[in-house]
Amino acid sequence: MSDEIGAKLKDYLKSEILHDESYPMADDEPLISSGLIDSFSLVDIALFVEETFGVRIDDNELTADNFDTVAELVKHIEANQ
């Protein structure tokens, strides 16, 4: 997993989605299935990923099954860059 991509994602999630920059987010922490992030935030996360990393995320991919952890997001970004 790219540490740089993971760090950017965590910074965004903590500051823009959770509004708690001190939150100790782990790479494998369930975000959506645990209720930490709601499903409505997936669109914001997808837009951030597309704008920041140049990776297109189709609407049918926006599910907790695909993007429940930072590690899963990083894996998707790396596979599609």
PDB file of N, CA and C in Angstrom:
ATOM      1  N   MET A   1       0.844  -1.186   0.000  1.00  0.00           N
ATOM      2  CA  MET A   1       0.000   0.000   0.000  1.00  0.00           C
ATOM      3  C   MET A   1       0.882   1.240   0.000  1.00  0.00           C
ATOM      4  N   SER A   2       0.549   2.190  -0.837  1.00  0.00           N
ATOM      5  CA  SER A   2       1.293   3.433  -0.908  1.00  0.00           C
ATOM      6  C   SER A   2       1.036   4.276   0.342  1.00  0.00           C
ATOM      7  N   ASP A   3       2.096   4.555   1.074  1.00  0.00           N
ATOM      8  CA  ASP A   3       1.966   5.371   2.279  1.00  0.00           C
ATOM      9  C   ASP A   3       1.514   6.783   1.949  1.00  0.00           C
ATOM     10  N   GLU A   4       1.989   7.316   0.815  1.00  0.00           N
ATOM     11  CA  GLU A   4       1.629   8.683   0.421  1.00  0.00           C
ATOM     12  C   GLU A   4       0.137   8.789   0.111  1.00  0.00           C
ATOM     13  N   ILE A   5      -0.385   7.842  -0.645  1.00  0.00           N
ATOM     14  CA  ILE A   5      -1.811   7.856  -0.977  1.00  0.00           C
ATOM     15  C   ILE A   5      -2.633   7.670   0.294  1.00  0.00           C
ATOM     16  N   GLY A   6      -2.255   6.708   1.114  1.00  0.00           N
ATOM     17  CA  GLY A   6      -2.961   6.463   2.370  1.00  0.00           C
ATOM     18  C   GLY A   6      -2.964   7.681   3.277  1.00  0.00           C
ATOM     19  N   ALA A   7      -1.846   8.374   3.366  1.00  0.00           N
ATOM     20  CA  ALA A   7      -1.759   9.573   4.209  1.00  0.00           C
ATOM     21  C   ALA A   7      -2.672  10.675   3.695  1.00  0.00           C
ATOM     22  N   LYS A   8      -2.703  10.874   2.383  1.00  0.00           N
ATOM     23  CA  LYS A   8      -3.590  11.897   1.814  1.00  0.00           C
ATOM     24  C   LYS A   8      -5.050  11.559   2.069  1.00  0.00           C
ATOM     25  N   LEU A   9      -5.402  10.290   1.903  1.00  0.00           N
ATOM     26  CA  LEU A   9      -6.781   9.873   2.162  1.00  0.00           C
ATOM     27  C   LEU A   9      -7.157  10.081   3.620  1.00  0.00           C
ATOM     28  N   LYS A  10      -6.281   9.664   4.523  1.00  0.00           N
ATOM     29  CA  LYS A  10      -6.570   9.829   5.946  1.00  0.00           C
ATOM     30  C   LYS A  10      -6.717  11.301   6.318  1.00  0.00           C
ATOM     31  N   ASP A  11      -5.824  12.135   5.804  1.00  0.00           N
ATOM     32  CA  ASP A  11      -5.917  13.564   6.098  1.00  0.00           C
ATOM     33  C   ASP A  11      -7.260  14.123   5.639  1.00  0.00           C
ATOM     34  N   TYR A  12      -7.665  13.751   4.428  1.00  0.00           N
ATOM     35  CA  TYR A  12      -8.955  14.221   3.896  1.00  0.00           C
ATOM     36  C   TYR A  12     -10.115  13.700   4.744  1.00  0.00           C
ATOM     37  N   LEU A  13     -10.117  12.413   5.013  1.00  0.00           N
ATOM     38  CA  LEU A  13     -11.215  11.818   5.775  1.00  0.00           C
ATOM     39  C   LEU A  13     -11.339  12.437   7.165  1.00  0.00           C
ATOM     40  N   LYS A  14     -10.206  12.620   7.820  1.00  0.00           N
ATOM     41  CA  LYS A  14     -10.238  13.166   9.174  1.00  0.00           C
ATOM     42  C   LYS A  14     -10.651  14.632   9.192  1.00  0.00           C
ATOM     43  N   SER A  15     -10.158  15.414   8.244  1.00  0.00           N
ATOM     44  CA  SER A  15     -10.458  16.848   8.279  1.00  0.00           C
ATOM     45  C   SER A  15     -11.796  17.198   7.632  1.00  0.00           C
ATOM     46  N   GLU A  16     -12.122  16.577   6.514  1.00  0.00           N
ATOM     47  CA  GLU A  16     -13.318  16.983   5.766  1.00  0.00           C
ATOM     48  C   GLU A  16     -14.561  16.138   6.039  1.00  0.00           C
ATOM     49  N   ILE A  17     -14.384  14.885   6.380  1.00  0.00           N
ATOM     50  CA  ILE A  17     -15.535  14.006   6.601  1.00  0.00           C
ATOM     51  C   ILE A  17     -15.835  13.855   8.099  1.00  0.00           C
ATOM     52  N   LEU A  18     -14.821  13.543   8.887  1.00  0.00           N
ATOM     53  CA  LEU A  18     -15.019  13.352  10.326  1.00  0.00           C
ATOM     54  C   LEU A  18     -14.943  14.651  11.118  1.00  0.00           C
ATOM     55  N   HIS A  19     -14.260  15.645  10.560  1.00  0.00           N
ATOM     56  CA  HIS A  19     -14.029  16.924  11.242  1.00  0.00           C
ATOM     57  C   HIS A  19     -13.331  16.717  12.588  1.00  0.00           C
ATOM     58  N   ASP A  20     -12.365  15.789  12.588  1.00  0.00           N
ATOM     59  CA  ASP A  20     -11.577  15.492  13.785  1.00  0.00           C
ATOM     60  C   ASP A  20     -10.187  15.046  13.340  1.00  0.00           C
ATOM     61  N   GLU A  21      -9.282  16.007  13.188  1.00  0.00           N
ATOM     62  CA  GLU A  21      -7.950  15.703  12.666  1.00  0.00           C
ATOM     63  C   GLU A  21      -7.107  14.859  13.613  1.00  0.00           C
ATOM     64  N   SER A  22      -7.518  14.740  14.862  1.00  0.00           N
ATOM     65  CA  SER A  22      -6.756  13.939  15.807  1.00  0.00           C
ATOM     66  C   SER A  22      -7.243  12.487  15.864  1.00  0.00           C
ATOM     67  N   TYR A  23      -8.239  12.150  15.073  1.00  0.00           N
ATOM     68  CA  TYR A  23      -8.776  10.783  15.100  1.00  0.00           C
ATOM     69  C   TYR A  23      -7.691   9.797  14.662  1.00  0.00           C
ATOM     70  N   PRO A  24      -7.457   8.735  15.436  1.00  0.00           N
ATOM     71  CA  PRO A  24      -6.390   7.765  15.119  1.00  0.00           C
ATOM     72  C   PRO A  24      -6.863   6.692  14.124  1.00  0.00           C
ATOM     73  N   MET A  25      -6.956   7.034  12.863  1.00  0.00           N
ATOM     74  CA  MET A  25      -7.497   6.142  11.838  1.00  0.00           C
ATOM     75  C   MET A  25      -6.460   5.120  11.391  1.00  0.00           C
ATOM     76  N   ALA A  26      -6.849   3.841  11.447  1.00  0.00           N
ATOM     77  CA  ALA A  26      -5.986   2.758  10.981  1.00  0.00           C
ATOM     78  C   ALA A  26      -6.325   2.432   9.530  1.00  0.00           C
ATOM     79  N   ASP A  27      -5.357   1.893   8.805  1.00  0.00           N
ATOM     80  CA  ASP A  27      -5.556   1.558   7.391  1.00  0.00           C
ATOM     81  C   ASP A  27      -6.655   0.523   7.187  1.00  0.00           C
ATOM     82  N   ASP A  28      -6.811  -0.381   8.141  1.00  0.00           N
ATOM     83  CA  ASP A  28      -7.784  -1.461   7.995  1.00  0.00           C
ATOM     84  C   ASP A  28      -9.043  -1.262   8.839  1.00  0.00           C
ATOM     85  N   GLU A  29      -9.231  -0.058   9.356  1.00  0.00           N
ATOM     86  CA  GLU A  29     -10.405   0.234  10.172  1.00  0.00           C
ATOM     87  C   GLU A  29     -11.657   0.339   9.301  1.00  0.00           C
ATOM     88  N   PRO A  30     -12.714  -0.398   9.642  1.00  0.00           N
ATOM     89  CA  PRO A  30     -13.963  -0.274   8.878  1.00  0.00           C
ATOM     90  C   PRO A  30     -14.540   1.132   9.061  1.00  0.00           C
ATOM     91  N   LEU A  31     -14.764   1.808   7.973  1.00  0.00           N
ATOM     92  CA  LEU A  31     -15.250   3.179   8.038  1.00  0.00           C
ATOM     93  C   LEU A  31     -16.765   3.255   7.881  1.00  0.00           C
ATOM     94  N   ILE A  32     -17.277   2.578   6.882  1.00  0.00           N
ATOM     95  CA  ILE A  32     -18.698   2.661   6.576  1.00  0.00           C
ATOM     96  C   ILE A  32     -19.477   1.608   7.363  1.00  0.00           C
ATOM     97  N   SER A  33     -19.013   0.359   7.330  1.00  0.00           N
ATOM     98  CA  SER A  33     -19.745  -0.710   8.015  1.00  0.00           C
ATOM     99  C   SER A  33     -19.783  -0.506   9.530  1.00  0.00           C
ATOM    100  N   SER A  34     -18.831   0.260  10.053  1.00  0.00           N
ATOM    101  CA  SER A  34     -18.820   0.548  11.493  1.00  0.00           C
ATOM    102  C   SER A  34     -19.693   1.747  11.842  1.00  0.00           C
ATOM    103  N   GLY A  35     -20.122   2.499  10.817  1.00  0.00           N
ATOM    104  CA  GLY A  35     -20.929   3.684  11.065  1.00  0.00           C
ATOM    105  C   GLY A  35     -20.109   4.944  11.261  1.00  0.00           C
ATOM    106  N   LEU A  36     -18.794   4.855  11.166  1.00  0.00           N
ATOM    107  CA  LEU A  36     -17.937   6.028  11.341  1.00  0.00           C
ATOM    108  C   LEU A  36     -18.204   7.051  10.237  1.00  0.00           C
ATOM    109  N   ILE A  37     -18.376   6.556   9.019  1.00  0.00           N
ATOM    110  CA  ILE A  37     -18.676   7.404   7.856  1.00  0.00           C
ATOM    111  C   ILE A  37     -19.986   6.916   7.259  1.00  0.00           C
ATOM    112  N   ASP A  38     -20.887   7.835   6.928  1.00  0.00           N
ATOM    113  CA  ASP A  38     -22.155   7.405   6.351  1.00  0.00           C
ATOM    114  C   ASP A  38     -22.041   7.246   4.833  1.00  0.00           C
ATOM    115  N   SER A  39     -22.998   6.567   4.264  1.00  0.00           N
ATOM    116  CA  SER A  39     -22.948   6.264   2.834  1.00  0.00           C
ATOM    117  C   SER A  39     -23.028   7.522   1.973  1.00  0.00           C
ATOM    118  N   PHE A  40     -23.605   8.588   2.488  1.00  0.00           N
ATOM    119  CA  PHE A  40     -23.677   9.840   1.726  1.00  0.00           C
ATOM    120  C   PHE A  40     -22.289  10.446   1.515  1.00  0.00           C
ATOM    121  N   SER A  41     -21.380  10.164   2.424  1.00  0.00           N
ATOM    122  CA  SER A  41     -20.018  10.686   2.308  1.00  0.00           C
ATOM    123  C   SER A  41     -19.231  10.009   1.199  1.00  0.00           C
ATOM    124  N   LEU A  42     -19.705   8.858   0.731  1.00  0.00           N
ATOM    125  CA  LEU A  42     -19.007   8.144  -0.344  1.00  0.00           C
ATOM    126  C   LEU A  42     -18.860   8.997  -1.587  1.00  0.00           C
ATOM    127  N   VAL A  43     -19.860   9.791  -1.910  1.00  0.00           N
ATOM    128  CA  VAL A  43     -19.790  10.656  -3.094  1.00  0.00           C
ATOM    129  C   VAL A  43     -18.677  11.686  -2.919  1.00  0.00           C
ATOM    130  N   ASP A  44     -18.595  12.287  -1.742  1.00  0.00           N
ATOM    131  CA  ASP A  44     -17.527  13.258  -1.472  1.00  0.00           C
ATOM    132  C   ASP A  44     -16.155  12.603  -1.556  1.00  0.00           C
ATOM    133  N   ILE A  45     -16.053  11.404  -1.022  1.00  0.00           N
ATOM    134  CA  ILE A  45     -14.785  10.673  -1.064  1.00  0.00           C
ATOM    135  C   ILE A  45     -14.420  10.353  -2.507  1.00  0.00           C
ATOM    136  N   ALA A  46     -15.397   9.909  -3.293  1.00  0.00           N
ATOM    137  CA  ALA A  46     -15.147   9.593  -4.702  1.00  0.00           C
ATOM    138  C   ALA A  46     -14.679  10.828  -5.462  1.00  0.00           C
ATOM    139  N   LEU A  47     -15.295  11.968  -5.223  1.00  0.00           N
ATOM    140  CA  LEU A  47     -14.874  13.205  -5.890  1.00  0.00           C
ATOM    141  C   LEU A  47     -13.447  13.576  -5.502  1.00  0.00           C
ATOM    142  N   PHE A  48     -13.111  13.429  -4.225  1.00  0.00           N
ATOM    143  CA  PHE A  48     -11.752  13.710  -3.778  1.00  0.00           C
ATOM    144  C   PHE A  48     -10.760  12.796  -4.479  1.00  0.00           C
ATOM    145  N   VAL A  49     -11.069  11.504  -4.532  1.00  0.00           N
ATOM    146  CA  VAL A  49     -10.178  10.533  -5.176  1.00  0.00           C
ATOM    147  C   VAL A  49      -9.999  10.873  -6.651  1.00  0.00           C
ATOM    148  N   GLU A  50     -11.096  11.188  -7.330  1.00  0.00           N
ATOM    149  CA  GLU A  50     -11.015  11.509  -8.751  1.00  0.00           C
ATOM    150  C   GLU A  50     -10.179  12.759  -8.998  1.00  0.00           C
ATOM    151  N   GLU A  51     -10.401  13.802  -8.197  1.00  0.00           N
ATOM    152  CA  GLU A  51      -9.684  15.063  -8.377  1.00  0.00           C
ATOM    153  C   GLU A  51      -8.220  14.968  -7.953  1.00  0.00           C
ATOM    154  N   THR A  52      -7.944  14.252  -6.896  1.00  0.00           N
ATOM    155  CA  THR A  52      -6.595  14.196  -6.336  1.00  0.00           C
ATOM    156  C   THR A  52      -5.704  13.194  -7.046  1.00  0.00           C
ATOM    157  N   PHE A  53      -6.268  12.043  -7.390  1.00  0.00           N
ATOM    158  CA  PHE A  53      -5.451  10.954  -7.920  1.00  0.00           C
ATOM    159  C   PHE A  53      -5.747  10.636  -9.385  1.00  0.00           C
ATOM    160  N   GLY A  54      -6.718  11.326  -9.994  1.00  0.00           N
ATOM    161  CA  GLY A  54      -7.033  11.102 -11.399  1.00  0.00           C
ATOM    162  C   GLY A  54      -7.614   9.735 -11.686  1.00  0.00           C
ATOM    163  N   VAL A  55      -8.319   9.174 -10.722  1.00  0.00           N
ATOM    164  CA  VAL A  55      -8.897   7.843 -10.861  1.00  0.00           C
ATOM    165  C   VAL A  55     -10.409   7.972 -10.918  1.00  0.00           C
ATOM    166  N   ARG A  56     -11.016   7.398 -11.933  1.00  0.00           N
ATOM    167  CA  ARG A  56     -12.472   7.427 -12.096  1.00  0.00           C
ATOM    168  C   ARG A  56     -13.097   6.319 -11.259  1.00  0.00           C
ATOM    169  N   ILE A  57     -14.134   6.690 -10.499  1.00  0.00           N
ATOM    170  CA  ILE A  57     -14.887   5.713  -9.720  1.00  0.00           C
ATOM    171  C   ILE A  57     -16.315   5.725 -10.239  1.00  0.00           C
ATOM    172  N   ASP A  58     -16.768   4.600 -10.780  1.00  0.00           N
ATOM    173  CA  ASP A  58     -18.128   4.490 -11.283  1.00  0.00           C
ATOM    174  C   ASP A  58     -19.115   4.455 -10.122  1.00  0.00           C
ATOM    175  N   ASP A  59     -20.324   4.942 -10.384  1.00  0.00           N
ATOM    176  CA  ASP A  59     -21.346   4.977  -9.341  1.00  0.00           C
ATOM    177  C   ASP A  59     -21.617   3.596  -8.742  1.00  0.00           C
ATOM    178  N   ASN A  60     -21.595   2.562  -9.570  1.00  0.00           N
ATOM    179  CA  ASN A  60     -21.884   1.220  -9.055  1.00  0.00           C
ATOM    180  C   ASN A  60     -20.759   0.666  -8.182  1.00  0.00           C
ATOM    181  N   GLU A  61     -19.614   1.331  -8.164  1.00  0.00           N
ATOM    182  CA  GLU A  61     -18.500   0.924  -7.306  1.00  0.00           C
ATOM    183  C   GLU A  61     -18.575   1.551  -5.917  1.00  0.00           C
ATOM    184  N   LEU A  62     -19.428   2.551  -5.753  1.00  0.00           N
ATOM    185  CA  LEU A  62     -19.512   3.282  -4.494  1.00  0.00           C
ATOM    186  C   LEU A  62     -20.309   2.503  -3.453  1.00  0.00           C
ATOM    187  N   THR A  63     -19.675   1.498  -2.891  1.00  0.00           N
ATOM    188  CA  THR A  63     -20.320   0.682  -1.872  1.00  0.00           C
ATOM    189  C   THR A  63     -19.362   0.447  -0.710  1.00  0.00           C
ATOM    190  N   ALA A  64     -19.940   0.096   0.415  1.00  0.00           N
ATOM    191  CA  ALA A  64     -19.122  -0.227   1.579  1.00  0.00           C
ATOM    192  C   ALA A  64     -18.270  -1.471   1.318  1.00  0.00           C
ATOM    193  N   ASP A  65     -18.756  -2.362   0.466  1.00  0.00           N
ATOM    194  CA  ASP A  65     -17.980  -3.557   0.145  1.00  0.00           C
ATOM    195  C   ASP A  65     -16.668  -3.212  -0.552  1.00  0.00           C
ATOM    196  N   ASN A  66     -16.673  -2.176  -1.368  1.00  0.00           N
ATOM    197  CA  ASN A  66     -15.485  -1.793  -2.133  1.00  0.00           C
ATOM    198  C   ASN A  66     -14.582  -0.799  -1.409  1.00  0.00           C
ATOM    199  N   PHE A  67     -15.158   0.055  -0.596  1.00  0.00           N
ATOM    200  CA  PHE A  67     -14.390   1.170  -0.033  1.00  0.00           C
ATOM    201  C   PHE A  67     -14.601   1.341   1.464  1.00  0.00           C
ATOM    202  N   ASP A  68     -14.570   0.242   2.201  1.00  0.00           N
ATOM    203  CA  ASP A  68     -14.840   0.337   3.630  1.00  0.00           C
ATOM    204  C   ASP A  68     -13.608   0.713   4.448  1.00  0.00           C
ATOM    205  N   THR A  69     -12.424   0.569   3.882  1.00  0.00           N
ATOM    206  CA  THR A  69     -11.205   0.913   4.622  1.00  0.00           C
ATOM    207  C   THR A  69     -10.293   1.777   3.746  1.00  0.00           C
ATOM    208  N   VAL A  70      -9.372   2.442   4.384  1.00  0.00           N
ATOM    209  CA  VAL A  70      -8.374   3.223   3.648  1.00  0.00           C
ATOM    210  C   VAL A  70      -7.557   2.289   2.763  1.00  0.00           C
ATOM    211  N   ALA A  71      -7.221   1.114   3.268  1.00  0.00           N
ATOM    212  CA  ALA A  71      -6.432   0.151   2.489  1.00  0.00           C
ATOM    213  C   ALA A  71      -7.162  -0.248   1.201  1.00  0.00           C
ATOM    214  N   GLU A  72      -8.492  -0.439   1.273  1.00  0.00           N
ATOM    215  CA  GLU A  72      -9.265  -0.781   0.076  1.00  0.00           C
ATOM    216  C   GLU A  72      -9.282   0.371  -0.918  1.00  0.00           C
ATOM    217  N   LEU A  73      -9.407   1.580  -0.415  1.00  0.00           N
ATOM    218  CA  LEU A  73      -9.370   2.750  -1.291  1.00  0.00           C
ATOM    219  C   LEU A  73      -8.016   2.868  -1.982  1.00  0.00           C
ATOM    220  N   VAL A  74      -6.953   2.697  -1.229  1.00  0.00           N
ATOM    221  CA  VAL A  74      -5.608   2.788  -1.804  1.00  0.00           C
ATOM    222  C   VAL A  74      -5.415   1.714  -2.870  1.00  0.00           C
ATOM    223  N   LYS A  75      -5.867   0.511  -2.583  1.00  0.00           N
ATOM    224  CA  LYS A  75      -5.751  -0.588  -3.542  1.00  0.00           C
ATOM    225  C   LYS A  75      -6.476  -0.241  -4.850  1.00  0.00           C
ATOM    226  N   HIS A  76      -7.658   0.330  -4.761  1.00  0.00           N
ATOM    227  CA  HIS A  76      -8.412   0.731  -5.946  1.00  0.00           C
ATOM    228  C   HIS A  76      -7.675   1.833  -6.719  1.00  0.00           C
ATOM    229  N   ILE A  77      -7.167   2.813  -6.004  1.00  0.00           N
ATOM    230  CA  ILE A  77      -6.451   3.917  -6.650  1.00  0.00           C
ATOM    231  C   ILE A  77      -5.212   3.390  -7.380  1.00  0.00           C
ATOM    232  N   GLU A  78      -4.429   2.574  -6.699  1.00  0.00           N
ATOM    233  CA  GLU A  78      -3.211   2.040  -7.314  1.00  0.00           C
ATOM    234  C   GLU A  78      -3.525   1.187  -8.534  1.00  0.00           C
ATOM    235  N   ALA A  79      -4.585   0.422  -8.486  1.00  0.00           N
ATOM    236  CA  ALA A  79      -4.948  -0.452  -9.603  1.00  0.00           C
ATOM    237  C   ALA A  79      -5.456   0.319 -10.813  1.00  0.00           C
ATOM    238  N   ASN A  80      -5.906   1.561 -10.590  1.00  0.00           N
ATOM    239  CA  ASN A  80      -6.501   2.325 -11.681  1.00  0.00           C
ATOM    240  C   ASN A  80      -5.733   3.575 -12.089  1.00  0.00           C
ATOM    241  N   GLN A  81      -4.540   3.746 -11.558  1.00  0.00           N
ATOM    242  CA  GLN A  81      -3.732   4.909 -11.960  1.00  0.00           C
ATOM    243  C   GLN A  81      -2.954   4.597 -13.214  1.00  0.00           C
TER     244      GLN A  81
END
